[in-house]
Amino acid sequence: MFGLANLLTATNLCCGIISVIFTFSGRLDLAALFLLLSVFADFFDGFTSRLTKTSGDLGKQLDSLADMVSFGVAPGVFMMVMIILGVDYSPIIDLKLTNSVADTQKYFVFNQIMAWFASLSYDVNNSFQASIKFLPFTALFIPFFSMFRLAKFNIDNRQSDKFIGVPTPMSTFFFSFFPLYFWYQKENWGHQNEFIYGLFDCYTLAVICVLFSMTMIAPLPLIALKFKSFNWKDNVYRYLLVIISLISIPVFFIWSIPIIVILYLILSIIEHNQSKKHEIQS
């Protein structure tokens, strides 16, 4: 029961819980960091179980339960907070209106979360007026579709060597771009270009949450990073994904996240088309 693979699965779960705590405390950087740690723990628990030949029904169930928290609830919570922030960035854009620039930047996320709770629960009149205070709940499409994605994966025998639909760790990896970018740019948020303001608008984020969440249950054949062997010919697209990803991270930093996700989708489409051609020829 307490083998190495299952302990890594438990690490995945604990990192997801810690991420939720840091999100509500306003530390989006640490929240995203712990979710990325969950992604690594999830990858290595599967790798370890295959390497040690200890995979079984218990590990499969534990993995889904942990993933539901780390790759369903946790990203849903921090995207909910990102939509809350997207309602009103004025406190950090127009810092001349504040007495302490440092405090405004430091506590902006936490203060906005508290303002949203005040409006939602106590009908306090602030920037979260009328129906917009319900907009952050659109982020709950992430755990909603994650639940169906994980349940479907457990009973779908076709997903032994590839995924059908975007896997929940990749979805979480994609959504982590938004809190990370905002956190490391918040001191300079008043000097972003119009594309960034549009991308981080509350309505844009709500639409992204809904649309990208739906890809988790879409019939998309995608690469699974499961190496049954390590030769180049059998894993060419997996190796390309890993190599290009490792190069893009130091070059593009946070922007490498959407680049890697787009690359993953493109390579998956190419790999699927190549496989179909080989099947037709044979």
Protein backbone atom coordinates (compact mmCIF):
# COMPACT_ATOMS: atom_id res chain seq x y z
CA MET A 1 0.00 0.00 0.00
CA PHE A 2 2.75 2.44 0.94
CA GLY A 3 5.07 1.74 -1.94
CA LEU A 4 7.15 4.46 -3.56
CA ALA A 5 4.70 5.02 -6.43
CA ASN A 6 1.75 5.46 -4.04
CA LEU A 7 3.76 7.82 -1.84
CA LEU A 8 4.48 9.95 -4.91
CA THR A 9 0.73 9.94 -5.62
CA ALA A 10 0.15 11.15 -2.04
CA THR A 11 2.74 13.88 -2.64
CA ASN A 12 0.74 14.92 -5.68
CA LEU A 13 -2.40 15.21 -3.52
CA CYS A 14 -0.68 17.17 -0.73
CA CYS A 15 0.85 19.63 -3.22
CA GLY A 16 -2.63 20.23 -4.64
CA ILE A 17 -4.07 20.99 -1.19
CA ILE A 18 -1.19 23.33 -0.36
CA SER A 19 -1.76 25.09 -3.68
CA VAL A 20 -5.39 25.83 -2.76
CA ILE A 21 -4.28 27.27 0.59
CA PHE A 22 -1.69 29.54 -1.03
CA THR A 23 -4.21 30.65 -3.67
CA PHE A 24 -6.69 31.90 -1.08
CA SER A 25 -3.86 33.57 0.84
CA GLY A 26 -2.99 35.55 -2.28
CA ARG A 27 0.35 33.89 -3.07
CA LEU A 28 -0.33 32.89 -6.66
CA ASP A 29 3.34 32.21 -7.30
CA LEU A 30 3.53 29.53 -4.61
CA ALA A 31 0.13 28.15 -5.61
CA ALA A 32 1.30 27.62 -9.20
CA LEU A 33 4.65 26.26 -8.01
CA PHE A 34 2.99 23.55 -5.92
CA LEU A 35 0.73 22.61 -8.82
CA LEU A 36 3.79 22.21 -11.04
CA LEU A 37 5.28 19.99 -8.32
CA SER A 38 2.04 17.97 -8.50
CA VAL A 39 2.56 17.54 -12.24
CA PHE A 40 6.08 16.18 -11.67
CA ALA A 41 4.91 13.90 -8.85
CA ASP A 42 2.11 12.58 -11.08
CA PHE A 43 4.56 11.85 -13.89
CA PHE A 44 7.06 10.07 -11.67
CA ASP A 45 4.49 7.97 -9.80
CA GLY A 46 3.42 6.42 -13.10
CA PHE A 47 7.03 6.08 -14.23
CA THR A 48 7.99 4.47 -10.91
CA SER A 49 5.08 2.03 -10.92
CA ARG A 50 6.00 0.86 -14.44
CA LEU A 51 9.71 0.68 -13.57
CA THR A 52 9.13 -1.34 -10.39
CA LYS A 53 6.19 -3.26 -11.89
CA THR A 54 3.97 -2.37 -8.94
CA SER A 55 1.02 -0.90 -10.84
CA GLY A 56 -2.40 -2.15 -9.77
CA ASP A 57 -6.01 -1.23 -9.13
CA LEU A 58 -5.21 0.52 -5.84
CA GLY A 59 -2.61 2.77 -7.46
CA LYS A 60 -5.01 3.57 -10.30
CA GLN A 61 -7.73 4.69 -7.89
CA LEU A 62 -5.32 6.66 -5.70
CA ASP A 63 -3.97 8.41 -8.78
CA SER A 64 -7.43 9.54 -9.90
CA LEU A 65 -8.37 10.77 -6.42
CA ALA A 66 -5.15 12.78 -6.13
CA ASP A 67 -5.52 14.14 -9.67
CA MET A 68 -9.06 15.33 -8.96
CA VAL A 69 -7.71 17.61 -6.23
CA SER A 70 -4.45 18.72 -7.85
CA PHE A 71 -5.58 18.94 -11.47
CA GLY A 72 -9.28 19.65 -10.98
CA VAL A 73 -10.05 21.59 -7.81
CA ALA A 74 -6.73 23.44 -7.42
CA PRO A 75 -6.49 24.92 -10.96
CA GLY A 76 -10.20 25.71 -10.78
CA VAL A 77 -9.59 27.71 -7.60
CA PHE A 78 -6.67 29.74 -8.91
CA MET A 79 -8.43 30.47 -12.20
CA MET A 80 -11.41 31.60 -10.15
CA VAL A 81 -9.06 34.02 -8.39
CA MET A 82 -7.61 35.17 -11.73
CA ILE A 83 -11.14 36.03 -12.93
CA ILE A 84 -11.69 37.92 -9.65
CA LEU A 85 -8.53 39.92 -10.32
CA GLY A 86 -9.60 40.52 -13.92
CA VAL A 87 -12.70 42.40 -12.78
CA ASP A 88 -10.71 45.39 -11.51
CA TYR A 89 -6.95 45.93 -11.88
CA SER A 90 -7.18 49.66 -11.12
CA PRO A 91 -5.61 49.47 -7.62
CA ILE A 92 -2.27 48.40 -9.11
CA ILE A 93 -2.58 50.22 -12.43
CA ASP A 94 -3.20 53.64 -10.90
CA LEU A 95 -0.85 53.49 -7.92
CA LYS A 96 -1.00 57.27 -7.41
CA LEU A 97 -4.34 56.74 -5.70
CA THR A 98 -2.75 54.67 -2.93
CA ASN A 99 -0.73 55.69 0.10
CA SER A 100 1.63 52.75 -0.05
CA VAL A 101 2.67 51.41 -3.45
CA ALA A 102 4.48 48.44 -1.88
CA ASP A 103 1.48 47.36 0.21
CA THR A 104 -0.89 47.73 -2.73
CA GLN A 105 1.26 45.44 -4.86
CA LYS A 106 1.96 43.00 -2.04
CA TYR A 107 -1.60 42.51 -0.84
CA PHE A 108 -3.52 43.22 -4.04
CA VAL A 109 -4.52 39.61 -4.70
CA PHE A 110 -5.60 38.93 -1.12
CA ASN A 111 -7.51 42.23 -0.91
CA GLN A 112 -9.39 41.50 -4.15
CA ILE A 113 -10.33 38.02 -2.92
CA MET A 114 -11.68 39.51 0.31
CA ALA A 115 -13.58 42.19 -1.63
CA TRP A 116 -15.18 39.48 -3.78
CA PHE A 117 -16.18 37.46 -0.71
CA ALA A 118 -17.64 40.61 0.87
CA SER A 119 -19.75 41.31 -2.21
CA LEU A 120 -20.80 37.68 -2.71
CA SER A 121 -21.60 36.77 0.90
CA TYR A 122 -22.53 40.09 2.50
CA ASP A 123 -23.73 42.13 -0.48
CA VAL A 124 -21.12 44.82 0.12
CA ASN A 125 -21.22 47.52 -2.57
CA ASN A 126 -17.83 47.44 -4.31
CA SER A 127 -16.39 46.71 -7.77
CA PHE A 128 -18.01 43.24 -7.71
CA GLN A 129 -21.52 44.50 -8.21
CA ALA A 130 -24.58 42.90 -9.76
CA SER A 131 -24.11 39.68 -11.72
CA ILE A 132 -20.34 40.04 -12.31
CA LYS A 133 -19.69 38.65 -8.82
CA PHE A 134 -20.91 35.27 -10.13
CA LEU A 135 -18.56 35.27 -13.13
CA PRO A 136 -15.63 33.64 -11.23
CA PHE A 137 -17.72 30.49 -10.83
CA THR A 138 -17.18 29.75 -14.53
CA ALA A 139 -13.74 28.49 -13.45
CA LEU A 140 -15.54 25.53 -11.87
CA PHE A 141 -15.85 24.10 -15.38
CA ILE A 142 -12.24 23.00 -14.81
CA PRO A 143 -12.98 20.54 -11.95
CA PHE A 144 -16.30 19.66 -13.63
CA PHE A 145 -14.68 18.43 -16.84
CA SER A 146 -11.66 17.06 -14.94
CA MET A 147 -13.97 14.71 -13.04
CA PHE A 148 -15.40 13.29 -16.27
CA ARG A 149 -11.94 13.16 -17.88
CA LEU A 150 -10.47 11.13 -14.99
CA ALA A 151 -13.46 8.76 -14.76
CA LYS A 152 -13.39 8.21 -18.52
CA PHE A 153 -9.66 7.50 -18.44
CA ASN A 154 -10.11 4.77 -15.82
CA ILE A 155 -12.53 2.77 -17.98
CA ASP A 156 -11.18 3.53 -21.46
CA ASN A 157 -8.84 0.76 -22.63
CA ARG A 158 -7.85 2.80 -25.71
CA GLN A 159 -5.71 5.15 -23.61
CA SER A 160 -2.95 2.70 -22.71
CA ASP A 161 -0.37 4.22 -25.09
CA LYS A 162 -1.97 7.57 -25.94
CA PHE A 163 -4.49 9.99 -24.47
CA ILE A 164 -7.90 10.85 -25.87
CA GLY A 165 -8.55 14.41 -24.78
CA VAL A 166 -6.13 16.75 -23.03
CA PRO A 167 -4.88 15.05 -19.83
CA THR A 168 -5.59 16.89 -16.58
CA PRO A 169 -1.88 17.54 -15.75
CA MET A 170 -1.39 19.24 -19.13
CA SER A 171 -4.55 21.30 -18.56
CA THR A 172 -3.21 22.37 -15.16
CA PHE A 173 0.16 23.20 -16.72
CA PHE A 174 -1.61 25.44 -19.25
CA PHE A 175 -3.71 27.26 -16.64
CA SER A 176 -0.64 27.86 -14.45
CA PHE A 177 0.58 30.37 -17.05
CA PHE A 178 -1.97 32.98 -15.97
CA PRO A 179 -1.18 33.28 -12.23
CA LEU A 180 2.56 33.01 -12.88
CA TYR A 181 2.62 35.70 -15.55
CA PHE A 182 0.48 38.06 -13.49
CA TRP A 183 2.48 37.54 -10.31
CA TYR A 184 5.85 38.26 -11.89
CA GLN A 185 4.49 41.23 -13.86
CA LYS A 186 2.24 42.80 -11.21
CA GLU A 187 4.78 45.47 -10.26
CA ASN A 188 4.75 46.56 -13.89
CA TRP A 189 1.06 45.88 -14.55
CA GLY A 190 0.30 49.47 -15.47
CA HIS A 191 2.65 49.21 -18.46
CA GLN A 192 1.37 46.08 -20.22
CA ASN A 193 0.25 46.14 -23.85
CA GLU A 194 -3.38 45.93 -24.91
CA PHE A 195 -3.08 42.24 -25.80
CA ILE A 196 -2.17 41.36 -22.21
CA TYR A 197 -4.97 43.50 -20.77
CA GLY A 198 -7.40 41.79 -23.12
CA LEU A 199 -6.05 38.33 -22.34
CA PHE A 200 -6.30 38.87 -18.58
CA ASP A 201 -9.74 40.49 -18.69
CA CYS A 202 -12.25 38.64 -16.51
CA TYR A 203 -14.53 37.76 -19.46
CA THR A 204 -11.64 36.48 -21.59
CA LEU A 205 -10.40 34.31 -18.73
CA ALA A 206 -13.90 32.93 -18.16
CA VAL A 207 -14.18 31.93 -21.85
CA ILE A 208 -10.70 30.34 -21.77
CA CYS A 209 -11.67 28.31 -18.69
CA VAL A 210 -14.76 26.94 -20.39
CA LEU A 211 -13.24 26.25 -23.82
CA PHE A 212 -9.94 24.72 -22.71
CA SER A 213 -11.71 22.61 -20.07
CA MET A 214 -13.83 21.08 -22.82
CA THR A 215 -10.67 19.80 -24.55
CA MET A 216 -10.27 17.35 -21.67
CA ILE A 217 -13.24 15.32 -22.89
CA ALA A 218 -12.85 16.08 -26.61
CA PRO A 219 -12.02 13.11 -28.90
CA LEU A 220 -8.46 14.32 -29.52
CA PRO A 221 -5.77 11.60 -29.82
CA LEU A 222 -2.74 12.97 -27.97
CA ILE A 223 0.75 11.79 -27.10
CA ALA A 224 1.22 10.09 -23.75
CA LEU A 225 4.67 10.46 -22.17
CA LYS A 226 4.85 6.73 -21.47
CA PHE A 227 8.15 5.32 -22.68
CA LYS A 228 7.76 1.57 -23.26
CA SER A 229 11.26 1.66 -24.73
CA PHE A 230 13.86 4.40 -25.08
CA ASN A 231 14.82 4.02 -28.74
CA TRP A 232 14.42 7.08 -30.95
CA LYS A 233 12.26 5.51 -33.65
CA ASP A 234 9.44 4.50 -31.30
CA ASN A 235 9.47 7.77 -29.36
CA VAL A 236 10.50 10.42 -31.87
CA TYR A 237 7.62 12.79 -31.08
CA ARG A 238 8.00 12.28 -27.33
CA TYR A 239 11.68 13.13 -27.54
CA LEU A 240 10.98 16.16 -29.73
CA LEU A 241 8.44 17.40 -27.17
CA VAL A 242 10.88 16.95 -24.29
CA ILE A 243 13.88 18.47 -26.10
CA ILE A 244 12.05 21.54 -27.45
CA SER A 245 10.36 22.06 -24.09
CA LEU A 246 13.70 22.00 -22.25
CA ILE A 247 15.10 24.55 -24.71
CA SER A 248 12.07 26.87 -24.57
CA ILE A 249 11.90 27.08 -20.74
CA PRO A 250 15.14 29.09 -20.23
CA VAL A 251 14.58 31.07 -23.44
CA PHE A 252 10.93 32.10 -22.99
CA PHE A 253 10.53 31.57 -19.23
CA ILE A 254 6.81 31.84 -18.35
CA TRP A 255 5.75 32.16 -22.00
CA SER A 256 7.22 28.68 -22.52
CA ILE A 257 4.08 27.26 -20.86
CA PRO A 258 1.60 28.07 -23.66
CA ILE A 259 4.35 27.34 -26.21
CA ILE A 260 4.83 23.83 -24.81
CA VAL A 261 1.07 23.18 -24.71
CA ILE A 262 0.63 24.31 -28.33
CA LEU A 263 3.67 22.25 -29.34
CA TYR A 264 2.17 19.23 -27.57
CA LEU A 265 -1.07 19.57 -29.51
CA ILE A 266 0.70 20.07 -32.85
CA LEU A 267 3.08 17.10 -32.38
CA SER A 268 0.14 14.94 -31.30
CA ILE A 269 -1.77 15.78 -34.48
CA ILE A 270 1.30 15.02 -36.62
CA GLU A 271 1.96 11.75 -34.77
CA HIS A 272 -1.67 10.67 -35.15
CA ASN A 273 -1.68 11.42 -38.88
CA GLN A 274 1.60 9.51 -39.36
CA SER A 275 0.18 6.51 -37.48
CA LYS A 276 -2.92 6.47 -39.66
CA LYS A 277 -0.78 6.59 -42.83
CA HIS A 278 1.26 3.61 -41.63
CA GLU A 279 -1.92 1.67 -40.82
CA ILE A 280 -3.33 2.36 -44.30
CA GLN A 281 -0.05 1.36 -46.00
CA SER A 282 0.19 -1.85 -44.01
